[in-house]
Protein backbone atom coordinates (compact mmCIF):
# COMPACT_ATOMS: atom_id res chain seq x y z
CA MET A 1 -32.04 -18.90 -70.21
CA LYS A 2 -32.94 -20.72 -67.00
CA SER A 3 -29.42 -20.42 -65.78
CA THR A 4 -29.33 -16.67 -66.38
CA LEU A 5 -32.60 -16.22 -64.53
CA LYS A 6 -31.23 -17.99 -61.46
CA ILE A 7 -28.20 -15.72 -61.33
CA PHE A 8 -30.32 -12.61 -61.73
CA SER A 9 -32.73 -13.71 -59.00
CA LEU A 10 -29.85 -14.40 -56.59
CA ALA A 11 -28.32 -10.99 -57.33
CA CYS A 12 -31.66 -9.29 -56.68
CA LEU A 13 -32.04 -11.18 -53.41
CA LEU A 14 -28.55 -10.23 -52.18
CA GLY A 15 -29.15 -6.64 -53.19
CA THR A 16 -32.40 -6.57 -51.27
CA LEU A 17 -30.75 -8.07 -48.18
CA GLY A 18 -27.89 -5.64 -48.48
CA PHE A 19 -30.26 -2.71 -48.68
CA ALA A 20 -32.25 -4.00 -45.73
CA SER A 21 -29.14 -4.40 -43.58
CA CYS A 22 -28.21 -0.76 -44.17
CA SER A 23 -31.65 0.69 -43.56
CA LYS A 24 -31.50 3.67 -41.19
CA GLU A 25 -34.79 2.65 -39.67
CA ASP A 26 -33.34 -0.58 -38.25
CA SER A 27 -32.29 -0.45 -34.59
CA LEU A 28 -30.17 -2.70 -32.38
CA GLY A 29 -32.20 -1.67 -29.38
CA GLU A 30 -31.17 0.25 -26.28
CA THR A 31 -27.92 -0.68 -24.51
CA ARG A 32 -28.22 -2.67 -21.31
CA ILE A 33 -25.04 -1.11 -19.94
CA ASP A 34 -25.70 1.50 -17.29
CA LEU A 35 -23.82 4.59 -18.44
CA THR A 36 -25.18 6.84 -15.72
CA PRO A 37 -22.30 8.39 -13.71
CA GLU A 38 -22.24 7.10 -10.14
CA ARG A 39 -23.40 9.77 -7.72
CA LYS A 40 -20.85 10.73 -5.10
CA THR A 41 -21.67 9.98 -1.50
CA GLU A 42 -20.76 11.98 1.58
CA LEU A 43 -17.82 9.60 2.03
CA ASP A 44 -16.64 10.24 -1.54
CA ASN A 45 -16.73 13.99 -0.96
CA TRP A 46 -14.73 13.59 2.25
CA ILE A 47 -12.10 11.51 0.43
CA ASP A 48 -11.88 14.06 -2.37
CA LYS A 49 -11.30 16.88 0.09
CA ASN A 50 -8.79 15.11 2.35
CA TYR A 51 -6.90 12.95 -0.14
CA LEU A 52 -7.49 13.84 -3.80
CA GLU A 53 -7.50 17.63 -3.50
CA THR A 54 -4.85 17.76 -0.78
CA TYR A 55 -2.37 15.11 -1.89
CA ASN A 56 -3.49 14.24 -5.43
CA MET A 57 -4.13 10.72 -4.13
CA GLN A 58 -7.04 8.56 -5.28
CA VAL A 59 -8.63 6.17 -2.81
CA PHE A 60 -10.30 2.99 -4.08
CA TYR A 61 -12.59 1.22 -1.65
CA ARG A 62 -15.31 -0.04 -4.00
CA TRP A 63 -14.60 -3.42 -5.54
CA ASP A 64 -12.43 -3.24 -8.66
CA GLN A 65 -11.02 -6.49 -10.00
CA TYR A 66 -8.28 -4.62 -11.84
CA LYS A 67 -6.85 -3.19 -8.60
CA VAL A 68 -6.36 -6.50 -6.77
CA ASP A 69 -4.84 -9.92 -7.35
CA MET A 70 -7.68 -12.05 -8.71
CA ASN A 71 -5.80 -15.21 -7.70
CA ARG A 72 -6.46 -14.32 -4.06
CA TYR A 73 -9.71 -14.61 -2.15
CA LEU A 74 -10.23 -10.96 -1.26
CA THR A 75 -13.27 -8.90 -0.33
CA PRO A 76 -13.95 -5.14 -0.24
CA PRO A 77 -13.98 -3.24 3.06
CA ARG A 78 -17.16 -2.45 4.92
CA VAL A 79 -18.13 1.08 4.00
CA ASP A 80 -18.45 2.11 7.65
CA ARG A 81 -14.77 1.21 8.20
CA VAL A 82 -13.40 3.32 5.36
CA GLN A 83 -13.41 6.87 6.77
CA PRO A 84 -12.22 5.91 10.29
CA THR A 85 -9.32 4.02 8.71
CA LEU A 86 -8.44 6.86 6.35
CA GLU A 87 -8.51 9.32 9.25
CA VAL A 88 -5.90 7.17 11.03
CA VAL A 89 -3.77 6.88 7.89
CA LYS A 90 -3.86 10.62 7.27
CA ALA A 91 -3.12 11.63 10.85
CA ILE A 92 -0.22 9.26 11.52
CA TRP A 93 1.35 8.78 8.09
CA LEU A 94 0.60 11.79 5.87
CA ASP A 95 0.30 14.49 8.53
CA SER A 96 3.50 13.36 10.28
CA TYR A 97 5.56 13.71 7.12
CA GLU A 98 3.83 16.97 6.24
CA LYS A 99 4.69 18.45 9.64
CA ILE A 100 8.39 17.76 9.19
CA ALA A 101 8.88 18.00 5.42
CA GLY A 102 5.98 20.05 4.11
CA GLU A 103 2.86 19.38 2.07
CA MET A 104 4.71 19.46 -1.27
CA PHE A 105 7.06 16.68 -0.12
CA VAL A 106 4.08 14.42 0.57
CA LYS A 107 2.40 15.35 -2.72
CA GLU A 108 5.55 14.50 -4.67
CA THR A 109 6.46 11.26 -2.90
CA ALA A 110 3.30 9.57 -1.62
CA ALA A 111 1.60 6.91 -3.73
CA LYS A 112 -1.01 8.26 -6.14
CA GLU A 113 -3.40 5.40 -5.43
CA LEU A 114 -4.49 3.87 -2.14
CA VAL A 115 -6.42 0.61 -2.48
CA LEU A 116 -8.39 -0.60 0.54
CA VAL A 117 -9.27 -4.28 1.00
CA GLY A 118 -11.41 -5.61 3.81
CA SER A 119 -10.18 -9.18 4.09
CA VAL A 120 -6.96 -10.97 4.98
CA ASN A 121 -4.49 -11.54 2.13
CA SER A 122 -3.24 -15.06 2.88
CA ASN A 123 -0.17 -16.69 1.33
CA THR A 124 0.41 -20.36 0.61
CA ASN A 125 3.35 -20.54 3.08
CA GLY A 126 1.11 -19.72 6.02
CA THR A 127 1.96 -16.02 6.22
CA VAL A 128 -0.27 -13.06 5.39
CA THR A 129 0.48 -9.97 3.32
CA LEU A 130 -0.50 -6.82 5.19
CA GLY A 131 0.37 -4.34 2.46
CA VAL A 132 1.83 -4.03 -1.03
CA ALA A 133 3.59 -1.13 -2.77
CA GLU A 134 3.48 -1.28 -6.56
CA GLN A 135 6.01 0.64 -8.63
CA GLY A 136 5.77 3.68 -6.39
CA VAL A 137 2.27 4.39 -7.70
CA ARG A 138 -0.08 2.31 -5.56
CA ILE A 139 -0.24 1.07 -1.98
CA SER A 140 -2.74 -1.66 -1.16
CA LEU A 141 -3.79 -2.21 2.46
CA PHE A 142 -5.57 -5.30 3.75
CA GLU A 143 -7.65 -6.38 6.77
CA LEU A 144 -9.57 -3.11 7.15
CA ASN A 145 -12.62 -4.97 8.45
CA LYS A 146 -10.63 -6.17 11.48
CA LEU A 147 -9.11 -2.81 12.42
CA ASP A 148 -10.26 -1.22 15.67
CA THR A 149 -9.11 2.39 15.37
CA LYS A 150 -9.22 2.80 19.16
CA ASN A 151 -7.01 -0.21 19.82
CA ARG A 152 -3.46 1.11 20.00
CA SER A 153 -1.80 -2.21 19.22
CA GLN A 154 -3.92 -2.70 16.10
CA VAL A 155 -3.42 0.88 14.94
CA GLU A 156 0.35 0.65 15.39
CA GLN A 157 0.54 -2.59 13.44
CA PHE A 158 -1.63 -1.21 10.65
CA ILE A 159 0.42 1.99 10.37
CA HIS A 160 3.61 -0.07 10.55
CA THR A 161 2.48 -1.68 7.30
CA ILE A 162 1.92 1.57 5.43
CA GLN A 163 5.12 3.12 6.81
CA HIS A 164 7.01 0.04 5.59
CA GLU A 165 5.52 0.29 2.10
CA TYR A 166 6.18 4.04 1.97
CA VAL A 167 9.87 3.44 2.73
CA HIS A 168 10.02 1.27 -0.39
CA ILE A 169 8.61 4.18 -2.40
CA LEU A 170 11.13 6.60 -0.90
CA ASN A 171 13.90 4.12 -1.74
CA MET A 172 12.83 4.27 -5.37
CA LYS A 173 13.21 8.04 -5.43
CA TRP A 174 16.35 8.08 -3.26
CA PRO A 175 18.05 4.67 -3.57
CA PHE A 176 20.11 3.52 -0.60
CA ASP A 177 23.33 1.53 -0.88
CA GLU A 178 22.04 -2.02 -0.37
CA GLY A 179 25.55 -3.42 -0.67
CA ALA A 180 26.81 -1.33 2.22
CA PHE A 181 23.71 -2.03 4.30
CA LEU A 182 23.99 -5.78 3.65
CA LYS A 183 27.54 -5.80 5.05
CA ILE A 184 26.20 -5.00 8.52
CA THR A 185 24.76 -8.52 8.87
CA PRO A 186 26.04 -10.52 5.86
CA GLY A 187 25.08 -14.15 5.45
CA SER A 188 22.06 -13.99 7.75
CA TYR A 189 19.32 -13.30 5.19
CA ARG A 190 17.04 -16.21 4.32
CA ALA A 191 14.10 -16.74 1.97
CA ASP A 192 12.23 -18.91 4.51
CA TRP A 193 12.21 -16.17 7.13
CA GLN A 194 8.83 -17.37 8.45
CA ASN A 195 10.50 -20.48 9.85
CA ALA A 196 12.61 -18.44 12.29
CA SER A 197 11.54 -16.52 15.39
CA ASN A 198 11.80 -12.83 16.14
CA ALA A 199 14.07 -13.66 19.09
CA GLU A 200 16.51 -15.48 16.80
CA ALA A 201 16.40 -12.60 14.34
CA ASN A 202 17.09 -10.08 17.12
CA SER A 203 20.13 -12.03 18.27
CA LEU A 204 21.52 -11.88 14.73
CA GLY A 205 20.99 -8.13 14.37
CA PHE A 206 17.53 -7.95 12.77
CA ILE A 207 14.57 -6.05 14.15
CA SER A 208 12.13 -8.81 13.09
CA ALA A 209 12.07 -12.22 11.46
CA TYR A 210 10.71 -10.67 8.26
CA SER A 211 13.74 -8.36 8.13
CA ARG A 212 15.82 -11.39 7.20
CA SER A 213 13.97 -11.87 3.89
CA ALA A 214 16.08 -9.28 2.01
CA PRO A 215 18.18 -6.13 2.64
CA GLY A 216 15.44 -3.88 1.25
CA GLU A 217 12.86 -5.41 3.58
CA ASP A 218 15.33 -5.18 6.45
CA PHE A 219 15.79 -1.45 5.89
CA ALA A 220 12.04 -0.81 5.57
CA GLU A 221 11.35 -2.82 8.74
CA MET A 222 13.91 -0.80 10.68
CA VAL A 223 12.33 2.53 9.78
CA ALA A 224 8.74 1.30 10.14
CA THR A 225 9.43 -0.14 13.60
CA MET A 226 11.00 3.11 14.77
CA LEU A 227 8.05 5.11 13.42
CA GLN A 228 5.54 2.71 14.96
CA ASP A 229 6.62 3.76 18.48
CA VAL A 230 10.21 4.86 19.01
CA GLU A 231 10.01 4.38 22.79
CA LYS A 232 8.88 0.78 22.46
CA TYR A 233 11.53 0.27 19.78
CA ASN A 234 14.31 1.47 22.10
CA ALA A 235 13.03 -0.64 24.98
CA MET A 236 12.88 -3.72 22.77
CA VAL A 237 16.41 -3.25 21.43
CA ASP A 238 17.85 -2.60 24.88
CA ALA A 239 16.23 -5.82 26.14
CA ILE A 240 17.87 -8.07 23.51
CA PRO A 241 20.22 -10.45 25.42
CA SER A 242 22.77 -10.62 22.61
CA GLU A 243 25.23 -7.73 22.64
CA PHE A 244 26.04 -8.56 19.01
CA GLY A 245 22.38 -8.33 18.04
CA ARG A 246 21.87 -5.02 19.84
CA SER A 247 24.96 -3.43 18.28
CA LYS A 248 24.03 -4.51 14.76
CA ILE A 249 20.50 -3.16 15.06
CA ARG A 250 21.84 0.14 16.38
CA GLU A 251 24.24 0.22 13.44
CA LYS A 252 21.33 -0.21 11.04
CA GLU A 253 19.44 2.49 12.93
CA ALA A 254 22.35 4.90 12.43
CA TYR A 255 22.38 4.03 8.73
CA ALA A 256 18.66 4.79 8.42
CA VAL A 257 19.02 8.09 10.30
CA SER A 258 21.86 9.11 7.99
CA TYR A 259 19.87 8.12 4.90
CA TYR A 260 16.87 10.25 5.89
CA LYS A 261 19.06 13.26 6.71
CA ASN A 262 21.32 13.09 3.65
CA SER A 263 18.66 12.10 1.11
CA MET A 264 15.62 14.08 2.25
CA GLY A 265 16.85 16.49 4.90
CA ILE A 266 14.58 14.82 7.47
CA ASP A 267 15.52 14.18 11.10
CA LEU A 268 14.24 10.63 11.52
CA TYR A 269 14.25 10.86 15.32
CA GLU A 270 12.08 13.99 15.18
CA LEU A 271 9.75 12.28 12.70
CA CYS A 272 9.42 9.38 15.15
CA LYS A 273 8.38 11.79 17.91
CA ILE A 274 5.78 13.40 15.66
CA ALA A 275 4.38 10.02 14.57
CA LYS A 276 4.07 8.91 18.20
CA SER A 277 2.31 12.14 19.13
CA GLN A 278 -0.09 11.70 16.20
CA THR A 279 -0.76 8.10 17.26
CA ASP A 280 -1.52 9.25 20.82
CA MET A 281 -3.99 11.78 19.41
CA VAL A 282 -5.75 9.21 17.21
CA VAL A 283 -6.25 6.44 19.77
CA ASN A 284 -7.26 8.87 22.54
CA LYS A 285 -9.66 10.85 20.35
């Protein structure tokens, strides 16, 4: 009898607890997560108008750990540097291509995400990464906090980075023959490119030391350097002491010009002129 009573009492207790746990009157309390949509600022509205609505491109400048490499020490850009930087990017990169190839070309080929980072992206080998293109979808740009949009040298270097990364995206849509391009300067590529000088690279037929890291980087560097300032590019190539180096760089130039014309119907020399004119406008504004 005692034993039966114990079992019955335990069953009643569990039933009571079960009923209590399901009571509709119980509450877990209000959530501490802020679900209020973030209000758009004047800057956000400007970005929407000039990037999202025009090119279907999202710009990320607020800190988002999922958009950056968390193994790097990186910081977001200062808010006051965002719009001036984006104005430079639009004028020299996007507007230049739009003028020669049309708005639809830019919409269809440009990265859908632009991630802005304020700090330097340092590497363990002593170099720094100025930009990264990811699967043709995202371009990340670094060192915004250091950029003086009225300093021509800084603007040209910054735009060189995005032009370089954009070439990689174009190469994904219209692949170039790396094997044929590699034959122009075979045997001169090296993984430790940072241990060689630009002068040595020039003498071997490369536009920069970084060009020696891989054929794809070599091609992107060629185009980006021409688009940075075609007049300075020509003066630099003509000043290379090595006739071999000059001829090989000019051969790569001809390959790039042919690629742009045959793949996209774009006159690369004309695009260079437009980009230079846009750069003049930006730095003299």
